[in-house]
Amino acid sequence: LEAAGLDCSATKDPSPSRQSPLSPLLGRRGLLGDRIQVHYSIIN
């Protein structure tokens, strides 16, 4: 509801070193390691 009234230019941070507190939410999963076994069933 507030999107139309936001001034995005006022919130720009010129510092590339600053990390957003939300960045962990957007992070990718770590490198894949060993293999796992998963049991899978299809039922009708």
All heavy atoms as atom14 arrays in JSON, in Angstrom:
{
  "sequence": "LEAAGLDCSATKDPSPSRQSPLSPLLGRRGLLGDRIQVHYSIIN",
  "atom14_mask": [
    [1, 1, 1, 1, 1, 1, 1, 1, 0, 0, 0, 0, 0, 0],
    [1, 1, 1, 1, 1, 1, 1, 1, 1, 0, 0, 0, 0, 0],
    [1, 1, 1, 1, 1, 0, 0, 0, 0, 0, 0, 0, 0, 0],
    [1, 1, 1, 1, 1, 0, 0, 0, 0, 0, 0, 0, 0, 0],
    [1, 1, 1, 1, 0, 0, 0, 0, 0, 0, 0, 0, 0, 0],
    [1, 1, 1, 1, 1, 1, 1, 1, 0, 0, 0, 0, 0, 0],
    [1, 1, 1, 1, 1, 1, 1, 1, 0, 0, 0, 0, 0, 0],
    [1, 1, 1, 1, 1, 1, 0, 0, 0, 0, 0, 0, 0, 0],
    [1, 1, 1, 1, 1, 1, 0, 0, 0, 0, 0, 0, 0, 0],
    [1, 1, 1, 1, 1, 0, 0, 0, 0, 0, 0, 0, 0, 0],
    [1, 1, 1, 1, 1, 1, 1, 0, 0, 0, 0, 0, 0, 0],
    [1, 1, 1, 1, 1, 1, 1, 1, 1, 0, 0, 0, 0, 0],
    [1, 1, 1, 1, 1, 1, 1, 1, 0, 0, 0, 0, 0, 0],
    [1, 1, 1, 1, 1, 1, 1, 0, 0, 0, 0, 0, 0, 0],
    [1, 1, 1, 1, 1, 1, 0, 0, 0, 0, 0, 0, 0, 0],
    [1, 1, 1, 1, 1, 1, 1, 0, 0, 0, 0, 0, 0, 0],
    [1, 1, 1, 1, 1, 1, 0, 0, 0, 0, 0, 0, 0, 0],
    [1, 1, 1, 1, 1, 1, 1, 1, 1, 1, 1, 0, 0, 0],
    [1, 1, 1, 1, 1, 1, 1, 1, 1, 0, 0, 0, 0, 0],
    [1, 1, 1, 1, 1, 1, 0, 0, 0, 0, 0, 0, 0, 0],
    [1, 1, 1, 1, 1, 1, 1, 0, 0, 0, 0, 0, 0, 0],
    [1, 1, 1, 1, 1, 1, 1, 1, 0, 0, 0, 0, 0, 0],
    [1, 1, 1, 1, 1, 1, 0, 0, 0, 0, 0, 0, 0, 0],
    [1, 1, 1, 1, 1, 1, 1, 0, 0, 0, 0, 0, 0, 0],
    [1, 1, 1, 1, 1, 1, 1, 1, 0, 0, 0, 0, 0, 0],
    [1, 1, 1, 1, 1, 1, 1, 1, 0, 0, 0, 0, 0, 0],
    [1, 1, 1, 1, 0, 0, 0, 0, 0, 0, 0, 0, 0, 0],
    [1, 1, 1, 1, 1, 1, 1, 1, 1, 1, 1, 0, 0, 0],
    [1, 1, 1, 1, 1, 1, 1, 1, 1, 1, 1, 0, 0, 0],
    [1, 1, 1, 1, 0, 0, 0, 0, 0, 0, 0, 0, 0, 0],
    [1, 1, 1, 1, 1, 1, 1, 1, 0, 0, 0, 0, 0, 0],
    [1, 1, 1, 1, 1, 1, 1, 1, 0, 0, 0, 0, 0, 0],
    [1, 1, 1, 1, 0, 0, 0, 0, 0, 0, 0, 0, 0, 0],
    [1, 1, 1, 1, 1, 1, 1, 1, 0, 0, 0, 0, 0, 0],
    [1, 1, 1, 1, 1, 1, 1, 1, 1, 1, 1, 0, 0, 0],
    [1, 1, 1, 1, 1, 1, 1, 1, 0, 0, 0, 0, 0, 0],
    [1, 1, 1, 1, 1, 1, 1, 1, 1, 0, 0, 0, 0, 0],
    [1, 1, 1, 1, 1, 1, 1, 0, 0, 0, 0, 0, 0, 0],
    [1, 1, 1, 1, 1, 1, 1, 1, 1, 1, 0, 0, 0, 0],
    [1, 1, 1, 1, 1, 1, 1, 1, 1, 1, 1, 1, 0, 0],
    [1, 1, 1, 1, 1, 1, 0, 0, 0, 0, 0, 0, 0, 0],
    [1, 1, 1, 1, 1, 1, 1, 1, 0, 0, 0, 0, 0, 0],
    [1, 1, 1, 1, 1, 1, 1, 1, 0, 0, 0, 0, 0, 0],
    [1, 1, 1, 1, 1, 1, 1, 1, 0, 0, 0, 0, 0, 0]
  ],
  "atom14_positions": [
    [[0.82, -1.21, 0.0], [0.0, 0.0, 0.0], [0.85, 1.26, 0.0], [0.42, 2.32, -0.45], [-0.92, 0.01, 1.23], [-1.96, -1.12, 1.3], [-2.7, -1.04, 2.63], [-2.92, -1.03, 0.13], [0.0, 0.0, 0.0], [0.0, 0.0, 0.0], [0.0, 0.0, 0.0], [0.0, 0.0, 0.0], [0.0, 0.0, 0.0], [0.0, 0.0, 0.0]],
    [[2.09, 1.16, 0.5], [2.97, 2.32, 0.58], [3.91, 2.45, -0.6], [4.67, 3.41, -0.69], [3.8, 2.24, 1.87], [2.98, 2.19, 3.14], [3.84, 1.91, 4.35], [4.08, 0.72, 4.63], [4.28, 2.88, 4.99], [0.0, 0.0, 0.0], [0.0, 0.0, 0.0], [0.0, 0.0, 0.0], [0.0, 0.0, 0.0], [0.0, 0.0, 0.0]],
    [[3.87, 1.49, -1.52], [4.85, 1.46, -2.61], [4.83, 2.73, -3.46], [5.88, 3.24, -3.85], [4.6, 0.24, -3.49], [0.0, 0.0, 0.0], [0.0, 0.0, 0.0], [0.0, 0.0, 0.0], [0.0, 0.0, 0.0], [0.0, 0.0, 0.0], [0.0, 0.0, 0.0], [0.0, 0.0, 0.0], [0.0, 0.0, 0.0], [0.0, 0.0, 0.0]],
    [[3.66, 3.27, -3.74], [3.56, 4.43, -4.61], [4.18, 5.68, -3.99], [4.63, 6.57, -4.71], [2.1, 4.7, -4.96], [0.0, 0.0, 0.0], [0.0, 0.0, 0.0], [0.0, 0.0, 0.0], [0.0, 0.0, 0.0], [0.0, 0.0, 0.0], [0.0, 0.0, 0.0], [0.0, 0.0, 0.0], [0.0, 0.0, 0.0], [0.0, 0.0, 0.0]],
    [[4.22, 5.73, -2.67], [4.73, 6.92, -2.01], [6.19, 6.84, -1.58], [6.71, 7.78, -0.97], [0.0, 0.0, 0.0], [0.0, 0.0, 0.0], [0.0, 0.0, 0.0], [0.0, 0.0, 0.0], [0.0, 0.0, 0.0], [0.0, 0.0, 0.0], [0.0, 0.0, 0.0], [0.0, 0.0, 0.0], [0.0, 0.0, 0.0], [0.0, 0.0, 0.0]],
    [[6.88, 5.76, -1.9], [8.27, 5.61, -1.47], [9.21, 6.4, -2.35], [9.05, 6.46, -3.57], [8.67, 4.14, -1.5], [8.0, 3.22, -0.48], [8.45, 1.79, -0.71], [8.34, 3.66, 0.93], [0.0, 0.0, 0.0], [0.0, 0.0, 0.0], [0.0, 0.0, 0.0], [0.0, 0.0, 0.0], [0.0, 0.0, 0.0], [0.0, 0.0, 0.0]],
    [[10.22, 7.04, -1.74], [11.26, 7.75, -2.48], [12.51, 6.88, -2.45], [13.3, 6.92, -1.51], [11.54, 9.11, -1.82], [12.61, 9.91, -2.57], [13.05, 9.43, -3.64], [13.01, 10.98, -2.08], [0.0, 0.0, 0.0], [0.0, 0.0, 0.0], [0.0, 0.0, 0.0], [0.0, 0.0, 0.0], [0.0, 0.0, 0.0], [0.0, 0.0, 0.0]],
    [[12.66, 6.06, -3.48], [13.76, 5.1, -3.5], [15.12, 5.77, -3.58], [16.12, 5.25, -3.08], [13.6, 4.14, -4.68], [12.13, 3.1, -4.57], [0.0, 0.0, 0.0], [0.0, 0.0, 0.0], [0.0, 0.0, 0.0], [0.0, 0.0, 0.0], [0.0, 0.0, 0.0], [0.0, 0.0, 0.0], [0.0, 0.0, 0.0], [0.0, 0.0, 0.0]],
    [[15.19, 6.95, -4.2], [16.5, 7.63, -4.34], [17.03, 8.06, -2.98], [18.24, 8.17, -2.79], [16.36, 8.84, -5.26], [15.45, 9.78, -4.7], [0.0, 0.0, 0.0], [0.0, 0.0, 0.0], [0.0, 0.0, 0.0], [0.0, 0.0, 0.0], [0.0, 0.0, 0.0], [0.0, 0.0, 0.0], [0.0, 0.0, 0.0], [0.0, 0.0, 0.0]],
    [[16.15, 8.29, -2.02], [16.59, 8.75, -0.71], [17.19, 7.63, 0.12], [17.83, 7.88, 1.13], [15.41, 9.37, 0.04], [0.0, 0.0, 0.0], [0.0, 0.0, 0.0], [0.0, 0.0, 0.0], [0.0, 0.0, 0.0], [0.0, 0.0, 0.0], [0.0, 0.0, 0.0], [0.0, 0.0, 0.0], [0.0, 0.0, 0.0], [0.0, 0.0, 0.0]],
    [[16.99, 6.4, -0.29], [17.49, 5.27, 0.5], [18.71, 4.61, -0.11], [19.17, 3.59, 0.38], [16.39, 4.21, 0.66], [16.02, 3.72, -0.64], [15.16, 4.79, 1.34], [0.0, 0.0, 0.0], [0.0, 0.0, 0.0], [0.0, 0.0, 0.0], [0.0, 0.0, 0.0], [0.0, 0.0, 0.0], [0.0, 0.0, 0.0], [0.0, 0.0, 0.0]],
    [[19.23, 5.18, -1.21], [20.4, 4.58, -1.84], [21.61, 4.7, -0.93], [21.86, 5.74, -0.33], [20.69, 5.24, -3.18], [19.69, 4.85, -4.27], [20.06, 5.46, -5.6], [19.08, 5.04, -6.69], [19.4, 5.68, -7.97], [0.0, 0.0, 0.0], [0.0, 0.0, 0.0], [0.0, 0.0, 0.0], [0.0, 0.0, 0.0], [0.0, 0.0, 0.0]],
    [[22.39, 3.63, -0.85], [23.6, 3.62, -0.04], [24.79, 3.5, -0.97], [24.97, 2.47, -1.62], [23.57, 2.44, 0.94], [24.8, 2.4, 1.83], [25.63, 3.32, 1.72], [24.92, 1.45, 2.61], [0.0, 0.0, 0.0], [0.0, 0.0, 0.0], [0.0, 0.0, 0.0], [0.0, 0.0, 0.0], [0.0, 0.0, 0.0], [0.0, 0.0, 0.0]],
    [[25.63, 4.55, -1.1], [26.75, 4.51, -2.03], [27.86, 3.57, -1.6], [28.77, 3.29, -2.36], [27.23, 5.97, -2.05], [26.86, 6.49, -0.7], [25.56, 5.8, -0.35], [0.0, 0.0, 0.0], [0.0, 0.0, 0.0], [0.0, 0.0, 0.0], [0.0, 0.0, 0.0], [0.0, 0.0, 0.0], [0.0, 0.0, 0.0], [0.0, 0.0, 0.0]],
    [[27.82, 3.11, -0.37], [28.9, 2.25, 0.12], [28.68, 0.8, -0.28], [27.74, 0.17, 0.19], [28.97, 2.34, 1.66], [29.87, 1.37, 2.14], [0.0, 0.0, 0.0], [0.0, 0.0, 0.0], [0.0, 0.0, 0.0], [0.0, 0.0, 0.0], [0.0, 0.0, 0.0], [0.0, 0.0, 0.0], [0.0, 0.0, 0.0], [0.0, 0.0, 0.0]],
    [[29.56, 0.24, -1.15], [29.37, -1.15, -1.58], [29.71, -2.15, -0.5], [29.37, -3.31, -0.59], [30.35, -1.28, -2.76], [31.42, -0.28, -2.46], [30.71, 0.87, -1.77], [0.0, 0.0, 0.0], [0.0, 0.0, 0.0], [0.0, 0.0, 0.0], [0.0, 0.0, 0.0], [0.0, 0.0, 0.0], [0.0, 0.0, 0.0], [0.0, 0.0, 0.0]],
    [[30.38, -1.7, 0.55], [30.81, -2.62, 1.6], [29.72, -2.91, 2.62], [29.8, -3.85, 3.38], [32.04, -2.06, 2.34], [31.7, -0.84, 2.95], [0.0, 0.0, 0.0], [0.0, 0.0, 0.0], [0.0, 0.0, 0.0], [0.0, 0.0, 0.0], [0.0, 0.0, 0.0], [0.0, 0.0, 0.0], [0.0, 0.0, 0.0], [0.0, 0.0, 0.0]],
    [[28.69, -2.05, 2.63], [27.63, -2.24, 3.6], [26.76, -3.43, 3.19], [26.27, -3.49, 2.07], [26.77, -0.98, 3.69], [25.68, -1.11, 4.75], [24.86, 0.15, 4.84], [23.79, 0.0, 5.8], [22.84, 0.89, 5.99], [22.84, 2.0, 5.3], [21.9, 0.68, 6.88], [0.0, 0.0, 0.0], [0.0, 0.0, 0.0], [0.0, 0.0, 0.0]],
    [[26.53, -4.34, 4.1], [25.74, -5.53, 3.8], [24.35, -5.37, 4.39], [24.19, -4.98, 5.54], [26.41, -6.78, 4.38], [25.69, -8.06, 4.02], [26.35, -9.27, 4.64], [26.95, -9.18, 5.69], [26.23, -10.42, 3.98], [0.0, 0.0, 0.0], [0.0, 0.0, 0.0], [0.0, 0.0, 0.0], [0.0, 0.0, 0.0], [0.0, 0.0, 0.0]],
    [[23.36, -5.66, 3.56], [21.98, -5.56, 4.02], [21.7, -6.63, 5.06], [22.16, -7.76, 4.94], [21.02, -5.75, 2.84], [19.72, -5.97, 3.31], [0.0, 0.0, 0.0], [0.0, 0.0, 0.0], [0.0, 0.0, 0.0], [0.0, 0.0, 0.0], [0.0, 0.0, 0.0], [0.0, 0.0, 0.0], [0.0, 0.0, 0.0], [0.0, 0.0, 0.0]],
    [[20.96, -6.28, 6.13], [20.61, -7.3, 7.12], [19.72, -8.39, 6.54], [19.56, -9.44, 7.13], [19.86, -6.51, 8.2], [19.36, -5.3, 7.5], [20.4, -4.96, 6.47], [0.0, 0.0, 0.0], [0.0, 0.0, 0.0], [0.0, 0.0, 0.0], [0.0, 0.0, 0.0], [0.0, 0.0, 0.0], [0.0, 0.0, 0.0], [0.0, 0.0, 0.0]],
    [[19.14, -8.14, 5.35], [18.28, -9.14, 4.73], [19.05, -10.08, 3.82], [18.5, -11.04, 3.31], [17.19, -8.46, 3.91], [16.28, -7.51, 4.68], [15.27, -6.87, 3.74], [15.57, -8.24, 5.8], [0.0, 0.0, 0.0], [0.0, 0.0, 0.0], [0.0, 0.0, 0.0], [0.0, 0.0, 0.0], [0.0, 0.0, 0.0], [0.0, 0.0, 0.0]],
    [[20.36, -9.82, 3.6], [21.1, -10.62, 2.64], [21.13, -12.1, 2.95], [21.17, -12.91, 2.03], [22.54, -10.09, 2.51], [23.19, -10.09, 3.76], [0.0, 0.0, 0.0], [0.0, 0.0, 0.0], [0.0, 0.0, 0.0], [0.0, 0.0, 0.0], [0.0, 0.0, 0.0], [0.0, 0.0, 0.0], [0.0, 0.0, 0.0], [0.0, 0.0, 0.0]],
    [[21.11, -12.54, 4.23], [21.08, -13.99, 4.46], [19.84, -14.66, 3.86], [19.88, -15.82, 3.49], [21.08, -14.11, 5.99], [21.73, -12.86, 6.46], [21.28, -11.81, 5.49], [0.0, 0.0, 0.0], [0.0, 0.0, 0.0], [0.0, 0.0, 0.0], [0.0, 0.0, 0.0], [0.0, 0.0, 0.0], [0.0, 0.0, 0.0], [0.0, 0.0, 0.0]],
    [[18.72, -13.9, 3.78], [17.51, -14.49, 3.21], [17.68, -14.77, 1.73], [17.06, -15.68, 1.18], [16.33, -13.52, 3.38], [15.78, -13.39, 4.79], [14.74, -12.28, 4.79], [15.18, -14.68, 5.26], [0.0, 0.0, 0.0], [0.0, 0.0, 0.0], [0.0, 0.0, 0.0], [0.0, 0.0, 0.0], [0.0, 0.0, 0.0], [0.0, 0.0, 0.0]],
    [[18.52, -13.96, 1.06], [18.66, -14.07, -0.38], [19.87, -14.89, -0.76], [20.14, -15.09, -1.94], [18.78, -12.66, -1.0], [17.67, -11.69, -0.6], [17.92, -10.33, -1.23], [16.32, -12.23, -1.01], [0.0, 0.0, 0.0], [0.0, 0.0, 0.0], [0.0, 0.0, 0.0], [0.0, 0.0, 0.0], [0.0, 0.0, 0.0], [0.0, 0.0, 0.0]],
    [[20.63, -15.36, 0.2], [21.84, -16.11, -0.08], [21.54, -17.46, -0.67], [20.51, -18.06, -0.41], [0.0, 0.0, 0.0], [0.0, 0.0, 0.0], [0.0, 0.0, 0.0], [0.0, 0.0, 0.0], [0.0, 0.0, 0.0], [0.0, 0.0, 0.0], [0.0, 0.0, 0.0], [0.0, 0.0, 0.0], [0.0, 0.0, 0.0], [0.0, 0.0, 0.0]],
    [[22.44, -17.93, -1.49], [22.28, -19.25, -2.08], [22.76, -20.31, -1.1], [23.53, -20.05, -0.19], [23.11, -19.35, -3.37], [22.78, -18.29, -4.39], [21.34, -18.38, -4.85], [21.12, -19.64, -5.54], [19.95, -20.04, -5.94], [18.88, -19.33, -5.69], [19.82, -21.2, -6.56], [0.0, 0.0, 0.0], [0.0, 0.0, 0.0], [0.0, 0.0, 0.0]],
    [[22.29, -21.54, -1.31], [22.73, -22.63, -0.45], [24.2, -22.9, -0.71], [24.72, -22.63, -1.78], [21.91, -23.89, -0.73], [20.46, -23.75, -0.31], [19.72, -25.05, -0.52], [18.35, -24.93, -0.06], [17.36, -24.61, -0.86], [17.56, -24.36, -2.12], [16.13, -24.52, -0.37], [0.0, 0.0, 0.0], [0.0, 0.0, 0.0], [0.0, 0.0, 0.0]],
    [[24.86, -23.45, 0.28], [26.28, -23.75, 0.15], [26.56, -24.77, -0.92], [25.66, -25.36, -1.51], [0.0, 0.0, 0.0], [0.0, 0.0, 0.0], [0.0, 0.0, 0.0], [0.0, 0.0, 0.0], [0.0, 0.0, 0.0], [0.0, 0.0, 0.0], [0.0, 0.0, 0.0], [0.0, 0.0, 0.0], [0.0, 0.0, 0.0], [0.0, 0.0, 0.0]],
    [[27.82, -24.97, -1.2], [28.21, -25.95, -2.2], [27.72, -27.32, -1.81], [27.7, -27.7, -0.65], [29.75, -25.97, -2.34], [30.38, -24.68, -2.87], [31.88, -24.81, -2.86], [29.88, -24.38, -4.26], [0.0, 0.0, 0.0], [0.0, 0.0, 0.0], [0.0, 0.0, 0.0], [0.0, 0.0, 0.0], [0.0, 0.0, 0.0], [0.0, 0.0, 0.0]],
    [[27.31, -28.07, -2.83], [26.79, -29.41, -2.57], [27.93, -30.32, -2.12], [29.01, -30.33, -2.7], [26.15, -29.97, -3.85], [24.96, -29.15, -4.37], [24.42, -29.78, -5.63], [23.88, -29.06, -3.32], [0.0, 0.0, 0.0], [0.0, 0.0, 0.0], [0.0, 0.0, 0.0], [0.0, 0.0, 0.0], [0.0, 0.0, 0.0], [0.0, 0.0, 0.0]],
    [[27.68, -31.09, -1.12], [28.71, -31.98, -0.6], [28.43, -33.42, -0.99], [28.21, -33.72, -2.16], [0.0, 0.0, 0.0], [0.0, 0.0, 0.0], [0.0, 0.0, 0.0], [0.0, 0.0, 0.0], [0.0, 0.0, 0.0], [0.0, 0.0, 0.0], [0.0, 0.0, 0.0], [0.0, 0.0, 0.0], [0.0, 0.0, 0.0], [0.0, 0.0, 0.0]],
    [[28.4, -34.28, 0.0], [28.21, -35.7, -0.28], [26.8, -36.0, -0.74], [25.93, -35.15, -0.77], [28.56, -36.51, 0.97], [27.72, -36.08, 2.17], [27.27, -34.92, 2.22], [27.5, -36.91, 3.05], [0.0, 0.0, 0.0], [0.0, 0.0, 0.0], [0.0, 0.0, 0.0], [0.0, 0.0, 0.0], [0.0, 0.0, 0.0], [0.0, 0.0, 0.0]],
    [[26.58, -37.24, -1.11], [25.28, -37.65, -1.61], [24.43, -38.22, -0.49], [24.94, -38.75, 0.49], [25.47, -38.68, -2.73], [26.22, -38.1, -3.92], [26.53, -39.16, -4.95], [25.35, -39.57, -5.69], [24.8, -38.89, -6.69], [25.33, -37.75, -7.08], [23.73, -39.35, -7.32], [0.0, 0.0, 0.0], [0.0, 0.0, 0.0], [0.0, 0.0, 0.0]],
    [[23.13, -38.07, -0.64], [22.18, -38.58, 0.35], [21.21, -39.54, -0.35], [21.09, -39.52, -1.58], [21.39, -37.45, 1.04], [20.53, -36.69, 0.01], [22.33, -36.5, 1.78], [19.53, -35.74, 0.62], [0.0, 0.0, 0.0], [0.0, 0.0, 0.0], [0.0, 0.0, 0.0], [0.0, 0.0, 0.0], [0.0, 0.0, 0.0], [0.0, 0.0, 0.0]],
    [[20.53, -40.33, 0.45], [19.54, -41.25, -0.09], [18.14, -40.77, 0.31], [17.9, -40.47, 1.47], [19.77, -42.66, 0.41], [18.77, -43.68, -0.12], [19.16, -45.1, 0.2], [20.04, -45.67, -0.41], [18.5, -45.67, 1.21], [0.0, 0.0, 0.0], [0.0, 0.0, 0.0], [0.0, 0.0, 0.0], [0.0, 0.0, 0.0], [0.0, 0.0, 0.0]],
    [[17.26, -40.7, -0.67], [15.89, -40.27, -0.43], [14.95, -41.36, -0.94], [15.13, -41.87, -2.05], [15.57, -38.94, -1.14], [14.12, -38.52, -0.88], [16.53, -37.85, -0.68], [0.0, 0.0, 0.0], [0.0, 0.0, 0.0], [0.0, 0.0, 0.0], [0.0, 0.0, 0.0], [0.0, 0.0, 0.0], [0.0, 0.0, 0.0], [0.0, 0.0, 0.0]],
    [[13.97, -41.72, -0.13], [12.96, -42.7, -0.51], [11.78, -41.94, -1.12], [11.33, -40.94, -0.55], [12.52, -43.52, 0.69], [13.66, -44.1, 1.47], [14.46, -45.11, 0.98], [14.16, -43.78, 2.68], [15.39, -45.4, 1.86], [15.23, -44.6, 2.9], [0.0, 0.0, 0.0], [0.0, 0.0, 0.0], [0.0, 0.0, 0.0], [0.0, 0.0, 0.0]],
    [[11.29, -42.41, -2.24], [10.26, -41.68, -2.99], [9.17, -42.65, -3.43], [9.44, -43.7, -4.0], [10.91, -41.0, -4.19], [9.96, -40.33, -5.15], [9.08, -39.34, -4.72], [9.96, -40.67, -6.5], [8.21, -38.73, -5.61], [9.11, -40.06, -7.4], [8.23, -39.09, -6.95], [7.38, -38.47, -7.83], [0.0, 0.0, 0.0], [0.0, 0.0, 0.0]],
    [[7.92, -42.3, -3.13], [6.78, -43.14, -3.49], [5.75, -42.33, -4.24], [5.56, -41.14, -3.97], [6.11, -43.72, -2.23], [7.01, -44.51, -1.49], [0.0, 0.0, 0.0], [0.0, 0.0, 0.0], [0.0, 0.0, 0.0], [0.0, 0.0, 0.0], [0.0, 0.0, 0.0], [0.0, 0.0, 0.0], [0.0, 0.0, 0.0], [0.0, 0.0, 0.0]],
    [[5.09, -42.98, -5.19], [3.95, -42.37, -5.89], [2.73, -43.27, -5.64], [2.8, -44.48, -5.81], [4.22, -42.18, -7.39], [4.57, -43.51, -8.06], [5.37, -41.18, -7.59], [4.69, -43.4, -9.58], [0.0, 0.0, 0.0], [0.0, 0.0, 0.0], [0.0, 0.0, 0.0], [0.0, 0.0, 0.0], [0.0, 0.0, 0.0], [0.0, 0.0, 0.0]],
    [[1.64, -42.66, -5.22], [0.48, -43.43, -4.77], [-0.8, -42.88, -5.37], [-1.07, -41.67, -5.3], [0.37, -43.39, -3.23], [1.66, -43.94, -2.59], [-0.84, -44.18, -2.75], [1.77, -43.65, -1.11], [0.0, 0.0, 0.0], [0.0, 0.0, 0.0], [0.0, 0.0, 0.0], [0.0, 0.0, 0.0], [0.0, 0.0, 0.0], [0.0, 0.0, 0.0]],
    [[-1.59, -43.76, -5.96], [-2.91, -43.39, -6.46], [-3.93, -44.42, -5.97], [-3.91, -45.57, -6.39], [-2.93, -43.34, -7.99], [-4.36, -43.29, -8.53], [-5.21, -42.61, -7.97], [-4.62, -44.03, -9.6], [0.0, 0.0, 0.0], [0.0, 0.0, 0.0], [0.0, 0.0, 0.0], [0.0, 0.0, 0.0], [0.0, 0.0, 0.0], [0.0, 0.0, 0.0]]
  ]
}
